[in-house]
């Protein structure tokens, strides 16, 4: 006992940017926030804010590993996929496709900025060390009560 666990204090990485929503050949700017916390080390919450005046937005939880892999090659399956692609001016981008096949949205994200944010998240919780940052105590208490 007495040993401090990594989950004792949450650390966060938050990035606000604008993603470009691609639909029917038209690009629309959407204010977007990327949020990562060491308390939920496997996931990133990406919130799309169609109305920047509103505090709430449309959140999606995406595996951090999927975003990292999507920087290099197509990654993901089903409702969430990411892959590198050139932007309209040849600038490096990452395409993020979310949603079911009946209503997918495709977002274009600046690759260097995404890489910088992912590097920050990796400094908070290095890849492969996520499980050490999960607070298992509530589950352990629940299991102990059932025993």
Foldseek 3Di string as FASTA:
>chain_A
DPDDFLQPDKDKFKDWDWKWKADPNDTDTWIKMWMAILQQLQWIWIFTHNPVVDPHGRIDIDGLVQLVVQLDAWGDDAFWIKHWDADPVRAIWIWIWGDGPVDIIIITGRSVVSVVRSVVSCVSPNPPRSVSNHDCVVVVVVVVVVD
